[in-house]
N, C-alpha and C. Protein backbone atom coordinates (compact mmCIF):
# COMPACT_ATOMS: atom_id res chain seq x y z
N MET A 1 57.41 -16.80 92.87
CA MET A 1 58.07 -15.51 92.98
C MET A 1 59.38 -15.56 93.75
N GLN A 2 59.35 -16.29 94.89
CA GLN A 2 60.57 -16.34 95.70
C GLN A 2 61.68 -17.02 94.91
N GLN A 3 61.38 -18.11 94.16
CA GLN A 3 62.37 -18.75 93.32
C GLN A 3 62.98 -17.75 92.37
N PHE A 4 62.21 -16.97 91.73
CA PHE A 4 62.74 -16.00 90.81
C PHE A 4 63.63 -15.01 91.49
N LYS A 5 63.21 -14.53 92.69
CA LYS A 5 64.05 -13.59 93.45
C LYS A 5 65.37 -14.23 93.85
N ASP A 6 65.32 -15.53 94.22
CA ASP A 6 66.55 -16.28 94.57
C ASP A 6 67.45 -16.38 93.40
N GLN A 7 66.91 -16.63 92.21
CA GLN A 7 67.70 -16.75 90.99
C GLN A 7 68.39 -15.41 90.68
N LEU A 8 67.72 -14.33 90.86
CA LEU A 8 68.29 -13.02 90.60
C LEU A 8 69.45 -12.76 91.59
N ALA A 9 69.22 -13.08 92.87
CA ALA A 9 70.26 -12.84 93.87
C ALA A 9 71.49 -13.75 93.63
N THR A 10 71.24 -14.98 93.26
CA THR A 10 72.32 -15.95 93.08
C THR A 10 73.16 -15.62 91.86
N ALA A 11 72.55 -14.98 90.84
CA ALA A 11 73.29 -14.67 89.60
C ALA A 11 74.45 -13.73 89.94
N ALA A 12 74.33 -12.96 90.96
CA ALA A 12 75.43 -12.02 91.33
C ALA A 12 76.68 -12.77 91.82
N ALA A 13 76.55 -14.01 92.16
CA ALA A 13 77.71 -14.74 92.68
C ALA A 13 78.65 -15.17 91.54
N HIS A 14 78.31 -14.96 90.31
CA HIS A 14 79.11 -15.26 89.12
C HIS A 14 79.50 -16.75 89.07
N VAL A 15 78.59 -17.60 89.51
CA VAL A 15 78.76 -18.99 89.42
C VAL A 15 78.58 -19.39 87.97
N PRO A 16 79.58 -20.14 87.35
CA PRO A 16 79.38 -20.47 85.96
C PRO A 16 78.13 -21.38 85.76
N ASP A 17 77.11 -20.82 85.27
CA ASP A 17 75.84 -21.56 85.10
C ASP A 17 75.14 -20.88 83.91
N PRO A 18 74.70 -21.67 82.93
CA PRO A 18 73.98 -21.06 81.77
C PRO A 18 72.86 -20.18 82.14
N LEU A 19 72.06 -20.58 83.14
CA LEU A 19 70.94 -19.75 83.54
C LEU A 19 71.40 -18.41 84.13
N HIS A 20 72.49 -18.40 84.89
CA HIS A 20 72.99 -17.13 85.47
C HIS A 20 73.48 -16.22 84.31
N GLU A 21 74.12 -16.79 83.33
CA GLU A 21 74.60 -15.98 82.21
C GLU A 21 73.41 -15.40 81.49
N GLU A 22 72.41 -16.21 81.25
CA GLU A 22 71.20 -15.73 80.60
C GLU A 22 70.58 -14.63 81.38
N LEU A 23 70.53 -14.81 82.72
CA LEU A 23 69.90 -13.84 83.60
C LEU A 23 70.71 -12.50 83.54
N ARG A 24 72.00 -12.58 83.60
CA ARG A 24 72.83 -11.32 83.48
C ARG A 24 72.57 -10.65 82.14
N ASN A 25 72.48 -11.44 81.06
CA ASN A 25 72.20 -10.87 79.76
C ASN A 25 70.83 -10.21 79.69
N ALA A 26 69.84 -10.85 80.35
CA ALA A 26 68.49 -10.32 80.37
C ALA A 26 68.45 -9.00 81.11
N ILE A 27 69.16 -8.93 82.23
CA ILE A 27 69.20 -7.68 83.00
C ILE A 27 69.93 -6.59 82.17
N ALA A 28 70.92 -6.99 81.48
CA ALA A 28 71.66 -6.00 80.62
C ALA A 28 70.79 -5.43 79.50
N SER A 29 69.74 -6.17 79.13
CA SER A 29 68.84 -5.72 78.06
C SER A 29 67.85 -4.70 78.53
N LEU A 30 67.72 -4.52 79.86
CA LEU A 30 66.80 -3.53 80.44
C LEU A 30 67.37 -2.12 80.19
N SER A 31 66.53 -1.11 80.46
CA SER A 31 67.01 0.26 80.35
C SER A 31 68.07 0.38 81.47
N PRO A 32 69.03 1.31 81.37
CA PRO A 32 70.03 1.47 82.41
C PRO A 32 69.43 1.70 83.79
N ASP A 33 68.39 2.54 83.92
CA ASP A 33 67.76 2.80 85.21
C ASP A 33 67.09 1.53 85.75
N ASP A 34 66.37 0.79 84.92
CA ASP A 34 65.70 -0.42 85.37
C ASP A 34 66.74 -1.49 85.76
N ALA A 35 67.83 -1.61 85.03
CA ALA A 35 68.88 -2.57 85.38
C ALA A 35 69.52 -2.20 86.71
N GLU A 36 69.76 -0.92 86.90
CA GLU A 36 70.30 -0.44 88.20
C GLU A 36 69.29 -0.73 89.36
N LEU A 37 68.05 -0.54 89.13
CA LEU A 37 67.05 -0.77 90.13
C LEU A 37 67.01 -2.26 90.50
N VAL A 38 67.11 -3.11 89.55
CA VAL A 38 67.13 -4.59 89.78
C VAL A 38 68.40 -4.90 90.58
N ARG A 39 69.55 -4.36 90.23
CA ARG A 39 70.81 -4.63 90.93
C ARG A 39 70.72 -4.17 92.36
N LEU A 40 70.19 -2.96 92.60
CA LEU A 40 70.11 -2.40 93.88
C LEU A 40 69.22 -3.23 94.82
N VAL A 41 68.11 -3.76 94.28
CA VAL A 41 67.20 -4.55 95.11
C VAL A 41 67.71 -5.99 95.29
N TYR A 42 68.14 -6.65 94.21
CA TYR A 42 68.47 -8.06 94.30
C TYR A 42 69.95 -8.32 94.64
N TRP A 43 70.86 -7.43 94.22
CA TRP A 43 72.24 -7.68 94.53
C TRP A 43 72.61 -7.00 95.84
N ASP A 44 72.20 -5.78 96.02
CA ASP A 44 72.58 -5.02 97.22
C ASP A 44 71.61 -5.13 98.36
N GLY A 45 70.40 -5.70 98.09
CA GLY A 45 69.41 -5.99 99.11
C GLY A 45 68.69 -4.76 99.65
N LEU A 46 68.67 -3.69 98.89
CA LEU A 46 67.91 -2.51 99.32
C LEU A 46 66.41 -2.77 99.15
N PRO A 47 65.61 -2.24 100.04
CA PRO A 47 64.18 -2.24 99.80
C PRO A 47 63.86 -1.39 98.56
N SER A 48 62.79 -1.67 97.90
CA SER A 48 62.49 -0.99 96.64
C SER A 48 62.38 0.52 96.81
N HIS A 49 61.83 0.99 97.92
CA HIS A 49 61.68 2.41 98.12
C HIS A 49 63.05 3.09 98.25
N GLU A 50 64.04 2.43 98.88
CA GLU A 50 65.37 2.98 99.04
C GLU A 50 66.14 2.94 97.66
N ALA A 51 65.91 1.87 96.92
CA ALA A 51 66.54 1.77 95.61
C ALA A 51 66.01 2.90 94.68
N GLY A 52 64.68 3.14 94.86
CA GLY A 52 64.08 4.23 94.07
C GLY A 52 64.67 5.61 94.37
N GLN A 53 64.95 5.79 95.68
CA GLN A 53 65.57 7.06 96.08
C GLN A 53 66.93 7.21 95.43
N VAL A 54 67.70 6.09 95.38
CA VAL A 54 69.06 6.11 94.81
C VAL A 54 68.99 6.62 93.37
N ILE A 55 68.06 6.13 92.61
CA ILE A 55 67.99 6.57 91.20
C ILE A 55 67.03 7.70 90.93
N GLY A 56 66.47 8.25 92.00
CA GLY A 56 65.67 9.47 91.88
C GLY A 56 64.21 9.30 91.52
N ILE A 57 63.58 8.16 91.88
CA ILE A 57 62.12 7.98 91.65
C ILE A 57 61.48 7.65 92.94
N ASN A 58 60.12 7.85 92.95
CA ASN A 58 59.39 7.59 94.18
C ASN A 58 59.15 6.13 94.39
N ALA A 59 58.69 5.73 95.56
CA ALA A 59 58.54 4.29 95.93
C ALA A 59 57.53 3.57 95.05
N SER A 60 56.41 4.18 94.70
CA SER A 60 55.43 3.49 93.88
C SER A 60 55.97 3.25 92.43
N THR A 61 56.72 4.27 91.97
CA THR A 61 57.37 4.07 90.64
C THR A 61 58.38 2.98 90.65
N ALA A 62 59.14 2.95 91.70
CA ALA A 62 60.14 1.86 91.86
C ALA A 62 59.49 0.50 91.84
N ARG A 63 58.44 0.33 92.63
CA ARG A 63 57.71 -0.95 92.64
C ARG A 63 57.17 -1.33 91.29
N SER A 64 56.58 -0.33 90.62
CA SER A 64 56.05 -0.58 89.33
C SER A 64 57.10 -0.95 88.28
N ARG A 65 58.22 -0.24 88.30
CA ARG A 65 59.34 -0.55 87.38
C ARG A 65 59.99 -1.90 87.68
N LEU A 66 60.06 -2.28 88.97
CA LEU A 66 60.61 -3.58 89.33
C LEU A 66 59.71 -4.68 88.80
N SER A 67 58.38 -4.51 88.92
CA SER A 67 57.43 -5.47 88.40
C SER A 67 57.61 -5.63 86.92
N LYS A 68 57.65 -4.51 86.25
CA LYS A 68 57.85 -4.59 84.78
C LYS A 68 59.17 -5.23 84.39
N ALA A 69 60.24 -4.87 85.08
CA ALA A 69 61.51 -5.43 84.86
C ALA A 69 61.53 -6.98 85.04
N ARG A 70 60.91 -7.41 86.12
CA ARG A 70 60.82 -8.87 86.39
C ARG A 70 60.11 -9.57 85.26
N LYS A 71 59.05 -8.96 84.78
CA LYS A 71 58.25 -9.58 83.67
C LYS A 71 59.12 -9.62 82.39
N GLU A 72 59.87 -8.58 82.11
CA GLU A 72 60.75 -8.53 80.91
C GLU A 72 61.79 -9.61 81.08
N ILE A 73 62.39 -9.71 82.25
CA ILE A 73 63.46 -10.73 82.44
C ILE A 73 62.87 -12.13 82.31
N ARG A 74 61.78 -12.32 82.97
CA ARG A 74 61.10 -13.64 82.84
C ARG A 74 60.77 -14.01 81.42
N ALA A 75 60.31 -13.03 80.63
CA ALA A 75 59.97 -13.30 79.25
C ALA A 75 61.19 -13.71 78.42
N ILE A 76 62.36 -13.20 78.82
CA ILE A 76 63.61 -13.54 78.09
C ILE A 76 64.12 -14.94 78.55
N ILE A 77 64.09 -15.19 79.82
CA ILE A 77 64.67 -16.50 80.27
C ILE A 77 63.67 -17.66 80.31
N GLU A 78 62.38 -17.30 80.27
CA GLU A 78 61.37 -18.38 80.22
C GLU A 78 60.34 -17.98 79.13
N PRO A 79 60.73 -17.97 77.91
CA PRO A 79 59.80 -17.50 76.86
C PRO A 79 58.51 -18.23 76.82
N SER A 80 58.45 -19.52 77.23
CA SER A 80 57.20 -20.25 77.14
C SER A 80 56.21 -19.80 78.24
N SER A 81 56.67 -18.99 79.19
CA SER A 81 55.76 -18.60 80.26
C SER A 81 55.22 -17.17 80.11
N VAL A 82 55.42 -16.60 78.93
CA VAL A 82 54.90 -15.26 78.65
C VAL A 82 53.38 -15.33 78.68
N THR A 83 52.75 -14.42 79.40
CA THR A 83 51.31 -14.44 79.56
C THR A 83 50.68 -13.32 78.73
N VAL A 84 49.65 -13.68 78.01
CA VAL A 84 48.89 -12.67 77.24
C VAL A 84 47.47 -12.75 77.81
N GLY A 85 47.02 -11.66 78.35
CA GLY A 85 45.73 -11.68 78.95
C GLY A 85 45.82 -12.57 80.23
N GLU A 86 45.05 -13.61 80.26
CA GLU A 86 45.06 -14.53 81.42
C GLU A 86 45.52 -15.93 81.06
N ARG A 87 46.17 -16.07 79.90
CA ARG A 87 46.63 -17.39 79.53
C ARG A 87 48.07 -17.36 79.01
N ASN A 88 48.75 -18.43 79.18
CA ASN A 88 50.14 -18.52 78.72
C ASN A 88 50.13 -18.76 77.20
N VAL A 89 51.10 -18.25 76.55
CA VAL A 89 51.27 -18.45 75.12
C VAL A 89 52.58 -19.06 74.81
């Protein structure tokens, strides 16, 4: 999990790297609110509850949407690690 968070944070540095470009594209594929939530947490370093306040949602909704967004991003950049039930497909 920490490695994934580090990759999200590093992508903001605009270092020419295919993974970073793929990560930016994956974030762009999210809904505008979810993409903004990801940016607020990983780029700006806000805690999820504060990022939720910025976009007008409560803390538990923010955490839930961040979890969903991370899964969506992971499915795009690591398609072989998509989990169905309890096993990878």
